[in-house]
């Protein structure tokens, strides 16, 4: 019943989780796809020099394509 879910494949530090979430949700708010938002969250962890960039995992159901789904359409033309 859920199209997408973010999970963790191991314990993640608070700082890593906060950085990931901030960038992930910011990217969604700017109208990026789920895949792009997820990758930007991972990249934000790497930029901070933290090791947990590979802990978050993006899951999707069989009917939702994270490469094309955009949750918020931006007002930009």
PDB file of N, CA and C in Angstrom:
ATOM      1  N   UNK A   1       0.812  -1.196   0.000  1.00  0.00           N
ATOM      2  CA  UNK A   1       0.000   0.000   0.000  1.00  0.00           C
ATOM      3  C   UNK A   1       0.854   1.258   0.000  1.00  0.00           C
ATOM      4  N   UNK A   2       2.148   1.113   0.213  1.00  0.00           N
ATOM      5  CA  UNK A   2       3.056   2.253   0.243  1.00  0.00           C
ATOM      6  C   UNK A   2       3.951   2.170  -0.989  1.00  0.00           C
ATOM      7  N   UNK A   3       4.066   3.271  -1.711  1.00  0.00           N
ATOM      8  CA  UNK A   3       4.893   3.261  -2.918  1.00  0.00           C
ATOM      9  C   UNK A   3       6.384   3.235  -2.616  1.00  0.00           C
ATOM     10  N   UNK A   4       6.808   4.002  -1.600  1.00  0.00           N
ATOM     11  CA  UNK A   4       8.230   4.108  -1.294  1.00  0.00           C
ATOM     12  C   UNK A   4       8.470   4.044   0.204  1.00  0.00           C
ATOM     13  N   UNK A   5       9.651   3.563   0.546  1.00  0.00           N
ATOM     14  CA  UNK A   5      10.039   3.486   1.954  1.00  0.00           C
ATOM     15  C   UNK A   5      11.557   3.627   2.029  1.00  0.00           C
ATOM     16  N   UNK A   6      12.009   4.367   3.022  1.00  0.00           N
ATOM     17  CA  UNK A   6      13.444   4.450   3.298  1.00  0.00           C
ATOM     18  C   UNK A   6      13.714   3.548   4.493  1.00  0.00           C
ATOM     19  N   UNK A   7      14.656   2.645   4.333  1.00  0.00           N
ATOM     20  CA  UNK A   7      15.058   1.763   5.419  1.00  0.00           C
ATOM     21  C   UNK A   7      16.549   1.912   5.658  1.00  0.00           C
ATOM     22  N   UNK A   8      17.043   1.245   6.661  1.00  0.00           N
ATOM     23  CA  UNK A   8      18.469   1.270   6.973  1.00  0.00           C
ATOM     24  C   UNK A   8      18.964  -0.168   7.032  1.00  0.00           C
ATOM     25  N   UNK A   9      20.124  -0.424   6.429  1.00  0.00           N
ATOM     26  CA  UNK A   9      20.665  -1.775   6.437  1.00  0.00           C
ATOM     27  C   UNK A   9      21.594  -2.028   7.617  1.00  0.00           C
ATOM     28  N   UNK A  10      21.713  -1.035   8.499  1.00  0.00           N
ATOM     29  CA  UNK A  10      22.540  -1.137   9.698  1.00  0.00           C
ATOM     30  C   UNK A  10      22.164   0.031  10.601  1.00  0.00           C
ATOM     31  N   UNK A  11      22.725   0.053  11.781  1.00  0.00           N
ATOM     32  CA  UNK A  11      22.495   1.206  12.661  1.00  0.00           C
ATOM     33  C   UNK A  11      23.151   2.434  12.020  1.00  0.00           C
ATOM     34  N   UNK A  12      22.477   3.567  12.131  1.00  0.00           N
ATOM     35  CA  UNK A  12      23.006   4.800  11.550  1.00  0.00           C
ATOM     36  C   UNK A  12      23.141   5.834  12.665  1.00  0.00           C
ATOM     37  N   UNK A  13      24.191   6.592  12.602  1.00  0.00           N
ATOM     38  CA  UNK A  13      24.412   7.634  13.601  1.00  0.00           C
ATOM     39  C   UNK A  13      23.403   8.761  13.472  1.00  0.00           C
ATOM     40  N   UNK A  14      23.181   9.470  14.567  1.00  0.00           N
ATOM     41  CA  UNK A  14      22.223  10.570  14.564  1.00  0.00           C
ATOM     42  C   UNK A  14      22.589  11.652  13.551  1.00  0.00           C
ATOM     43  N   UNK A  15      23.872  12.001  13.498  1.00  0.00           N
ATOM     44  CA  UNK A  15      24.298  13.049  12.576  1.00  0.00           C
ATOM     45  C   UNK A  15      24.095  12.611  11.130  1.00  0.00           C
ATOM     46  N   UNK A  16      24.459  11.368  10.810  1.00  0.00           N
ATOM     47  CA  UNK A  16      24.260  10.844   9.461  1.00  0.00           C
ATOM     48  C   UNK A  16      22.770  10.881   9.089  1.00  0.00           C
ATOM     49  N   UNK A  17      21.923  10.413  10.004  1.00  0.00           N
ATOM     50  CA  UNK A  17      20.481  10.356   9.749  1.00  0.00           C
ATOM     51  C   UNK A  17      19.898  11.746   9.553  1.00  0.00           C
ATOM     52  N   UNK A  18      20.332  12.690  10.356  1.00  0.00           N
ATOM     53  CA  UNK A  18      19.828  14.063  10.256  1.00  0.00           C
ATOM     54  C   UNK A  18      20.237  14.696   8.936  1.00  0.00           C
ATOM     55  N   UNK A  19      21.481  14.520   8.559  1.00  0.00           N
ATOM     56  CA  UNK A  19      21.982  15.085   7.300  1.00  0.00           C
ATOM     57  C   UNK A  19      21.260  14.451   6.116  1.00  0.00           C
ATOM     58  N   UNK A  20      21.121  13.133   6.153  1.00  0.00           N
ATOM     59  CA  UNK A  20      20.414  12.438   5.072  1.00  0.00           C
ATOM     60  C   UNK A  20      18.983  12.961   4.949  1.00  0.00           C
ATOM     61  N   UNK A  21      18.260  12.964   6.053  1.00  0.00           N
ATOM     62  CA  UNK A  21      16.850  13.365   6.036  1.00  0.00           C
ATOM     63  C   UNK A  21      16.678  14.804   5.565  1.00  0.00           C
ATOM     64  N   UNK A  22      17.525  15.710   6.044  1.00  0.00           N
ATOM     65  CA  UNK A  22      17.418  17.113   5.653  1.00  0.00           C
ATOM     66  C   UNK A  22      17.583  17.271   4.144  1.00  0.00           C
ATOM     67  N   UNK A  23      18.578  16.617   3.574  1.00  0.00           N
ATOM     68  CA  UNK A  23      18.812  16.745   2.134  1.00  0.00           C
ATOM     69  C   UNK A  23      17.757  15.999   1.331  1.00  0.00           C
ATOM     70  N   UNK A  24      17.364  14.819   1.782  1.00  0.00           N
ATOM     71  CA  UNK A  24      16.346  14.027   1.093  1.00  0.00           C
ATOM     72  C   UNK A  24      15.034  14.809   0.982  1.00  0.00           C
ATOM     73  N   UNK A  25      14.535  15.316   2.098  1.00  0.00           N
ATOM     74  CA  UNK A  25      13.260  16.033   2.080  1.00  0.00           C
ATOM     75  C   UNK A  25      13.369  17.382   1.373  1.00  0.00           C
ATOM     76  N   UNK A  26      14.510  18.029   1.465  1.00  0.00           N
ATOM     77  CA  UNK A  26      14.724  19.278   0.727  1.00  0.00           C
ATOM     78  C   UNK A  26      14.659  19.010  -0.777  1.00  0.00           C
ATOM     79  N   UNK A  27      15.271  17.935  -1.210  1.00  0.00           N
ATOM     80  CA  UNK A  27      15.265  17.583  -2.632  1.00  0.00           C
ATOM     81  C   UNK A  27      13.854  17.269  -3.115  1.00  0.00           C
ATOM     82  N   UNK A  28      13.077  16.571  -2.296  1.00  0.00           N
ATOM     83  CA  UNK A  28      11.678  16.302  -2.651  1.00  0.00           C
ATOM     84  C   UNK A  28      10.915  17.614  -2.773  1.00  0.00           C
ATOM     85  N   UNK A  29      11.158  18.528  -1.840  1.00  0.00           N
ATOM     86  CA  UNK A  29      10.467  19.819  -1.853  1.00  0.00           C
ATOM     87  C   UNK A  29      10.811  20.641  -3.088  1.00  0.00           C
ATOM     88  N   UNK A  30      11.999  20.426  -3.644  1.00  0.00           N
ATOM     89  CA  UNK A  30      12.395  21.146  -4.851  1.00  0.00           C
ATOM     90  C   UNK A  30      11.952  20.447  -6.117  1.00  0.00           C
ATOM     91  N   UNK A  31      11.136  19.393  -5.982  1.00  0.00           N
ATOM     92  CA  UNK A  31      10.543  18.747  -7.145  1.00  0.00           C
ATOM     93  C   UNK A  31      11.410  17.726  -7.842  1.00  0.00           C
ATOM     94  N   UNK A  32      12.369  17.146  -7.124  1.00  0.00           N
ATOM     95  CA  UNK A  32      13.223  16.122  -7.720  1.00  0.00           C
ATOM     96  C   UNK A  32      12.600  14.745  -7.547  1.00  0.00           C
ATOM     97  N   UNK A  33      13.023  13.804  -8.376  1.00  0.00           N
ATOM     98  CA  UNK A  33      12.492  12.443  -8.293  1.00  0.00           C
ATOM     99  C   UNK A  33      12.937  11.770  -6.993  1.00  0.00           C
ATOM    100  N   UNK A  34      12.260  10.697  -6.657  1.00  0.00           N
ATOM    101  CA  UNK A  34      12.623   9.953  -5.445  1.00  0.00           C
ATOM    102  C   UNK A  34      14.063   9.454  -5.525  1.00  0.00           C
ATOM    103  N   UNK A  35      14.463   8.938  -6.679  1.00  0.00           N
ATOM    104  CA  UNK A  35      15.834   8.437  -6.832  1.00  0.00           C
ATOM    105  C   UNK A  35      16.845   9.552  -6.641  1.00  0.00           C
ATOM    106  N   UNK A  36      16.610  10.687  -7.271  1.00  0.00           N
ATOM    107  CA  UNK A  36      17.541  11.810  -7.162  1.00  0.00           C
ATOM    108  C   UNK A  36      17.597  12.327  -5.731  1.00  0.00           C
ATOM    109  N   UNK A  37      16.452  12.457  -5.092  1.00  0.00           N
ATOM    110  CA  UNK A  37      16.416  12.916  -3.697  1.00  0.00           C
ATOM    111  C   UNK A  37      17.183  11.954  -2.799  1.00  0.00           C
ATOM    112  N   UNK A  38      16.999  10.665  -3.015  1.00  0.00           N
ATOM    113  CA  UNK A  38      17.701   9.655  -2.221  1.00  0.00           C
ATOM    114  C   UNK A  38      19.216   9.772  -2.425  1.00  0.00           C
ATOM    115  N   UNK A  39      19.647   9.860  -3.671  1.00  0.00           N
ATOM    116  CA  UNK A  39      21.084   9.973  -3.961  1.00  0.00           C
ATOM    117  C   UNK A  39      21.679  11.257  -3.387  1.00  0.00           C
ATOM    118  N   UNK A  40      20.899  12.335  -3.392  1.00  0.00           N
ATOM    119  CA  UNK A  40      21.404  13.577  -2.811  1.00  0.00           C
ATOM    120  C   UNK A  40      21.538  13.458  -1.294  1.00  0.00           C
ATOM    121  N   UNK A  41      20.631  12.717  -0.671  1.00  0.00           N
ATOM    122  CA  UNK A  41      20.767  12.451   0.765  1.00  0.00           C
ATOM    123  C   UNK A  41      22.046  11.685   1.072  1.00  0.00           C
ATOM    124  N   UNK A  42      22.315  10.667   0.270  1.00  0.00           N
ATOM    125  CA  UNK A  42      23.556   9.902   0.454  1.00  0.00           C
ATOM    126  C   UNK A  42      24.786  10.786   0.226  1.00  0.00           C
ATOM    127  N   UNK A  43      24.725  11.597  -0.796  1.00  0.00           N
ATOM    128  CA  UNK A  43      25.852  12.476  -1.117  1.00  0.00           C
ATOM    129  C   UNK A  43      26.102  13.481   0.001  1.00  0.00           C
ATOM    130  N   UNK A  44      25.052  13.991   0.607  1.00  0.00           N
ATOM    131  CA  UNK A  44      25.211  14.943   1.709  1.00  0.00           C
ATOM    132  C   UNK A  44      25.980  14.315   2.866  1.00  0.00           C
ATOM    133  N   UNK A  45      25.725  13.043   3.137  1.00  0.00           N
ATOM    134  CA  UNK A  45      26.481  12.340   4.188  1.00  0.00           C
ATOM    135  C   UNK A  45      27.946  12.260   3.794  1.00  0.00           C
ATOM    136  N   UNK A  46      28.216  11.925   2.553  1.00  0.00           N
ATOM    137  CA  UNK A  46      29.608  11.824   2.077  1.00  0.00           C
ATOM    138  C   UNK A  46      30.332  13.165   2.165  1.00  0.00           C
ATOM    139  N   UNK A  47      29.640  14.239   1.785  1.00  0.00           N
ATOM    140  CA  UNK A  47      30.253  15.571   1.813  1.00  0.00           C
ATOM    141  C   UNK A  47      30.696  15.933   3.227  1.00  0.00           C
ATOM    142  N   UNK A  48      29.924  15.498   4.203  1.00  0.00           N
ATOM    143  CA  UNK A  48      30.276  15.755   5.605  1.00  0.00           C
ATOM    144  C   UNK A  48      31.422  14.876   6.090  1.00  0.00           C
ATOM    145  N   UNK A  49      31.870  13.942   5.249  1.00  0.00           N
ATOM    146  CA  UNK A  49      32.981  13.070   5.616  1.00  0.00           C
ATOM    147  C   UNK A  49      32.580  11.935   6.544  1.00  0.00           C
ATOM    148  N   UNK A  50      31.287  11.615   6.573  1.00  0.00           N
ATOM    149  CA  UNK A  50      30.799  10.548   7.439  1.00  0.00           C
ATOM    150  C   UNK A  50      30.745   9.235   6.664  1.00  0.00           C
ATOM    151  N   UNK A  51      30.808   8.135   7.382  1.00  0.00           N
ATOM    152  CA  UNK A  51      30.915   6.828   6.741  1.00  0.00           C
ATOM    153  C   UNK A  51      29.574   6.155   6.462  1.00  0.00           C
ATOM    154  N   UNK A  52      28.460   6.738   6.894  1.00  0.00           N
ATOM    155  CA  UNK A  52      27.184   6.055   6.805  1.00  0.00           C
ATOM    156  C   UNK A  52      26.395   6.271   5.535  1.00  0.00           C
ATOM    157  N   UNK A  53      27.036   6.732   4.464  1.00  0.00           N
ATOM    158  CA  UNK A  53      26.299   7.053   3.239  1.00  0.00           C
ATOM    159  C   UNK A  53      25.618   5.842   2.611  1.00  0.00           C
ATOM    160  N   UNK A  54      26.151   4.648   2.851  1.00  0.00           N
ATOM    161  CA  UNK A  54      25.583   3.451   2.225  1.00  0.00           C
ATOM    162  C   UNK A  54      24.587   2.714   3.128  1.00  0.00           C
ATOM    163  N   UNK A  55      24.247   3.297   4.262  1.00  0.00           N
ATOM    164  CA  UNK A  55      23.300   2.648   5.179  1.00  0.00           C
ATOM    165  C   UNK A  55      21.844   2.862   4.753  1.00  0.00           C
ATOM    166  N   UNK A  56      21.439   4.057   4.331  1.00  0.00           N
ATOM    167  CA  UNK A  56      20.051   4.218   3.892  1.00  0.00           C
ATOM    168  C   UNK A  56      19.771   3.396   2.626  1.00  0.00           C
ATOM    169  N   UNK A  57      18.561   2.858   2.528  1.00  0.00           N
ATOM    170  CA  UNK A  57      18.124   2.084   1.366  1.00  0.00           C
ATOM    171  C   UNK A  57      16.763   2.596   0.920  1.00  0.00           C
ATOM    172  N   UNK A  58      16.584   2.724  -0.376  1.00  0.00           N
ATOM    173  CA  UNK A  58      15.303   3.138  -0.946  1.00  0.00           C
ATOM    174  C   UNK A  58      14.591   1.905  -1.476  1.00  0.00           C
ATOM    175  N   UNK A  59      13.383   1.680  -0.997  1.00  0.00           N
ATOM    176  CA  UNK A  59      12.561   0.562  -1.451  1.00  0.00           C
ATOM    177  C   UNK A  59      11.338   1.120  -2.163  1.00  0.00           C
ATOM    178  N   UNK A  60      10.887   0.429  -3.198  1.00  0.00           N
ATOM    179  CA  UNK A  60       9.658   0.826  -3.881  1.00  0.00           C
ATOM    180  C   UNK A  60       8.851  -0.419  -4.223  1.00  0.00           C
ATOM    181  N   UNK A  61       7.545  -0.236  -4.340  1.00  0.00           N
ATOM    182  CA  UNK A  61       6.723  -1.381  -4.718  1.00  0.00           C
ATOM    183  C   UNK A  61       6.840  -1.592  -6.226  1.00  0.00           C
ATOM    184  N   UNK A  62       6.253  -2.647  -6.713  1.00  0.00           N
ATOM    185  CA  UNK A  62       6.431  -3.029  -8.116  1.00  0.00           C
ATOM    186  C   UNK A  62       5.724  -2.087  -9.100  1.00  0.00           C
ATOM    187  N   UNK A  63       4.844  -1.240  -8.611  1.00  0.00           N
ATOM    188  CA  UNK A  63       4.120  -0.348  -9.524  1.00  0.00           C
ATOM    189  C   UNK A  63       4.643   1.084  -9.527  1.00  0.00           C
ATOM    190  N   UNK A  64       5.591   1.393  -8.668  1.00  0.00           N
ATOM    191  CA  UNK A  64       6.106   2.764  -8.562  1.00  0.00           C
ATOM    192  C   UNK A  64       7.553   2.824  -9.049  1.00  0.00           C
ATOM    193  N   UNK A  65       7.837   3.767  -9.927  1.00  0.00           N
ATOM    194  CA  UNK A  65       9.185   3.945 -10.461  1.00  0.00           C
ATOM    195  C   UNK A  65       9.839   5.150  -9.789  1.00  0.00           C
ATOM    196  N   UNK A  66      10.821   4.907  -8.912  1.00  0.00           N
ATOM    197  CA  UNK A  66      11.438   6.021  -8.188  1.00  0.00           C
ATOM    198  C   UNK A  66      12.197   7.000  -9.086  1.00  0.00           C
ATOM    199  N   UNK A  67      12.526   6.564 -10.310  1.00  0.00           N
ATOM    200  CA  UNK A  67      13.220   7.461 -11.236  1.00  0.00           C
ATOM    201  C   UNK A  67      12.290   8.515 -11.832  1.00  0.00           C
ATOM    202  N   UNK A  68      10.993   8.224 -11.855  1.00  0.00           N
ATOM    203  CA  UNK A  68      10.068   9.149 -12.504  1.00  0.00           C
ATOM    204  C   UNK A  68       9.060   9.792 -11.554  1.00  0.00           C
ATOM    205  N   UNK A  69       8.890   9.229 -10.362  1.00  0.00           N
ATOM    206  CA  UNK A  69       7.908   9.781  -9.430  1.00  0.00           C
ATOM    207  C   UNK A  69       8.440  11.048  -8.785  1.00  0.00           C
ATOM    208  N   UNK A  70       7.665  12.114  -8.897  1.00  0.00           N
ATOM    209  CA  UNK A  70       7.964  13.395  -8.270  1.00  0.00           C
ATOM    210  C   UNK A  70       6.768  13.723  -7.374  1.00  0.00           C
ATOM    211  N   UNK A  71       7.015  13.872  -6.105  1.00  0.00           N
ATOM    212  CA  UNK A  71       5.930  14.078  -5.152  1.00  0.00           C
ATOM    213  C   UNK A  71       5.409  15.503  -5.133  1.00  0.00           C
ATOM    214  N   UNK A  72       6.283  16.468  -5.397  1.00  0.00           N
ATOM    215  CA  UNK A  72       5.892  17.879  -5.377  1.00  0.00           C
ATOM    216  C   UNK A  72       6.315  18.508  -6.687  1.00  0.00           C
ATOM    217  N   UNK A  73       5.356  18.997  -7.419  1.00  0.00           N
ATOM    218  CA  UNK A  73       5.667  19.674  -8.672  1.00  0.00           C
ATOM    219  C   UNK A  73       6.055  21.122  -8.369  1.00  0.00           C
ATOM    220  N   UNK A  74       7.211  21.508  -8.843  1.00  0.00           N
ATOM    221  CA  UNK A  74       7.659  22.869  -8.576  1.00  0.00           C
ATOM    222  C   UNK A  74       6.879  23.857  -9.450  1.00  0.00           C
ATOM    223  N   UNK A  75       6.843  25.094  -9.024  1.00  0.00           N
ATOM    224  CA  UNK A  75       6.152  26.133  -9.766  1.00  0.00           C
ATOM    225  C   UNK A  75       6.990  26.707 -10.895  1.00  0.00           C
ATOM    226  N   UNK A  76       8.214  26.181 -11.034  1.00  0.00           N
ATOM    227  CA  UNK A  76       9.106  26.676 -12.087  1.00  0.00           C
ATOM    228  C   UNK A  76       8.638  26.207 -13.456  1.00  0.00           C
ATOM    229  N   UNK A  77       8.865  27.025 -14.479  1.00  0.00           N
ATOM    230  CA  UNK A  77       8.488  26.634 -15.842  1.00  0.00           C
ATOM    231  C   UNK A  77       9.657  26.080 -16.580  1.00  0.00           C
TER     232      UNK A  77
END
